[in-house]
């Protein structure tokens, strides 16, 4: 594995720790939802970039890129649905 891929994976691990600390520190469920969405997008992108840096552009990296794009779309939909459910149930008091 090359240095760029290792740095990107280390960045993903660092972001996981930062988001974990932010999740514990944030007060409302809406703020915590933002932290989880940030984690999904940034760490998934970093891992995908590490695969591209490691292998170059191959069929496998193209599949990883498509999986990350699908995950970003699903993450946005799930975050919206969760926030709407929290709003309807009065989640600001939680």
Protein backbone atom coordinates (compact mmCIF):
# COMPACT_ATOMS: atom_id res chain seq x y z
CA UNK A 1 0.00 0.00 0.00
CA UNK A 2 1.32 3.45 -0.80
CA UNK A 3 1.71 6.45 1.48
CA UNK A 4 -1.28 8.36 0.06
CA UNK A 5 -3.65 5.46 0.74
CA UNK A 6 -2.31 5.06 4.27
CA UNK A 7 -2.75 8.78 4.96
CA UNK A 8 -6.33 8.70 3.67
CA UNK A 9 -7.16 5.70 5.87
CA UNK A 10 -5.57 7.43 8.87
CA UNK A 11 -7.68 10.49 8.07
CA UNK A 12 -10.82 8.29 8.05
CA UNK A 13 -9.93 6.88 11.48
CA UNK A 14 -9.22 10.38 12.82
CA UNK A 15 -12.59 11.61 11.54
CA UNK A 16 -14.29 8.64 13.21
CA UNK A 17 -12.79 9.62 16.57
CA UNK A 18 -13.64 13.29 16.12
CA UNK A 19 -17.23 12.50 15.17
CA UNK A 20 -17.54 10.15 18.14
CA UNK A 21 -16.44 12.91 20.50
CA UNK A 22 -18.74 15.40 18.78
CA UNK A 23 -21.65 12.97 19.02
CA UNK A 24 -21.12 12.66 22.76
CA UNK A 25 -20.82 16.41 23.19
CA UNK A 26 -23.77 17.55 21.07
CA UNK A 27 -27.03 18.00 22.92
CA UNK A 28 -29.98 17.65 20.57
CA UNK A 29 -30.77 14.68 18.36
CA UNK A 30 -30.73 16.99 15.33
CA UNK A 31 -27.15 18.03 16.03
CA UNK A 32 -26.15 14.41 16.54
CA UNK A 33 -27.80 13.51 13.25
CA UNK A 34 -25.57 16.05 11.51
CA UNK A 35 -22.51 14.40 13.05
CA UNK A 36 -23.55 10.95 11.83
CA UNK A 37 -24.24 12.24 8.32
CA UNK A 38 -20.86 13.99 8.26
CA UNK A 39 -19.21 10.72 9.31
CA UNK A 40 -20.91 8.76 6.53
CA UNK A 41 -19.92 11.16 3.80
CA UNK A 42 -16.36 12.06 4.85
CA UNK A 43 -15.08 8.67 5.94
CA UNK A 44 -16.69 6.90 3.01
CA UNK A 45 -15.08 9.40 0.67
CA UNK A 46 -11.69 8.97 2.34
CA UNK A 47 -11.84 5.18 2.09
CA UNK A 48 -12.93 5.39 -1.55
CA UNK A 49 -10.09 7.81 -2.29
CA UNK A 50 -7.67 5.42 -0.54
CA UNK A 51 -8.83 2.59 -2.81
CA UNK A 52 -8.32 4.78 -5.87
CA UNK A 53 -4.88 5.88 -4.62
CA UNK A 54 -3.91 2.29 -3.95
CA UNK A 55 -5.19 0.58 -7.10
CA UNK A 56 -5.59 3.35 -9.66
CA UNK A 57 -8.67 3.36 -11.85
CA UNK A 58 -9.77 -0.24 -12.19
CA UNK A 59 -13.10 -2.01 -12.25
CA UNK A 60 -12.88 -2.56 -8.50
CA UNK A 61 -12.33 1.14 -7.75
CA UNK A 62 -15.23 2.04 -10.01
CA UNK A 63 -17.44 -0.31 -7.98
CA UNK A 64 -16.21 1.26 -4.73
CA UNK A 65 -16.99 4.70 -6.12
CA UNK A 66 -20.52 3.63 -7.08
CA UNK A 67 -21.07 2.11 -3.65
CA UNK A 68 -19.95 5.37 -2.00
CA UNK A 69 -22.24 7.45 -4.21
CA UNK A 70 -25.17 5.15 -3.36
CA UNK A 71 -24.28 5.39 0.33
CA UNK A 72 -24.24 9.20 0.19
CA UNK A 73 -27.70 9.19 -1.40
CA UNK A 74 -29.07 6.71 1.11
CA UNK A 75 -27.50 8.64 3.98
CA UNK A 76 -29.20 11.84 2.87
CA UNK A 77 -32.57 10.11 2.60
CA UNK A 78 -32.25 8.38 5.96
CA UNK A 79 -31.12 11.57 7.68
CA UNK A 80 -34.07 13.45 6.27
CA UNK A 81 -36.52 10.74 7.32
CA UNK A 82 -35.02 10.55 10.80
CA UNK A 83 -35.08 14.33 11.25
CA UNK A 84 -38.69 14.46 10.10
CA UNK A 85 -39.69 11.72 12.54
CA UNK A 86 -37.86 13.52 15.36
CA UNK A 87 -39.57 16.78 14.46
CA UNK A 88 -43.03 15.20 14.40
CA UNK A 89 -42.46 13.56 17.79
CA UNK A 90 -41.06 16.68 19.41
CA UNK A 91 -37.43 15.56 19.30
CA UNK A 92 -36.09 18.90 20.45
CA UNK A 93 -36.96 17.98 24.02
CA UNK A 94 -35.05 14.68 23.92
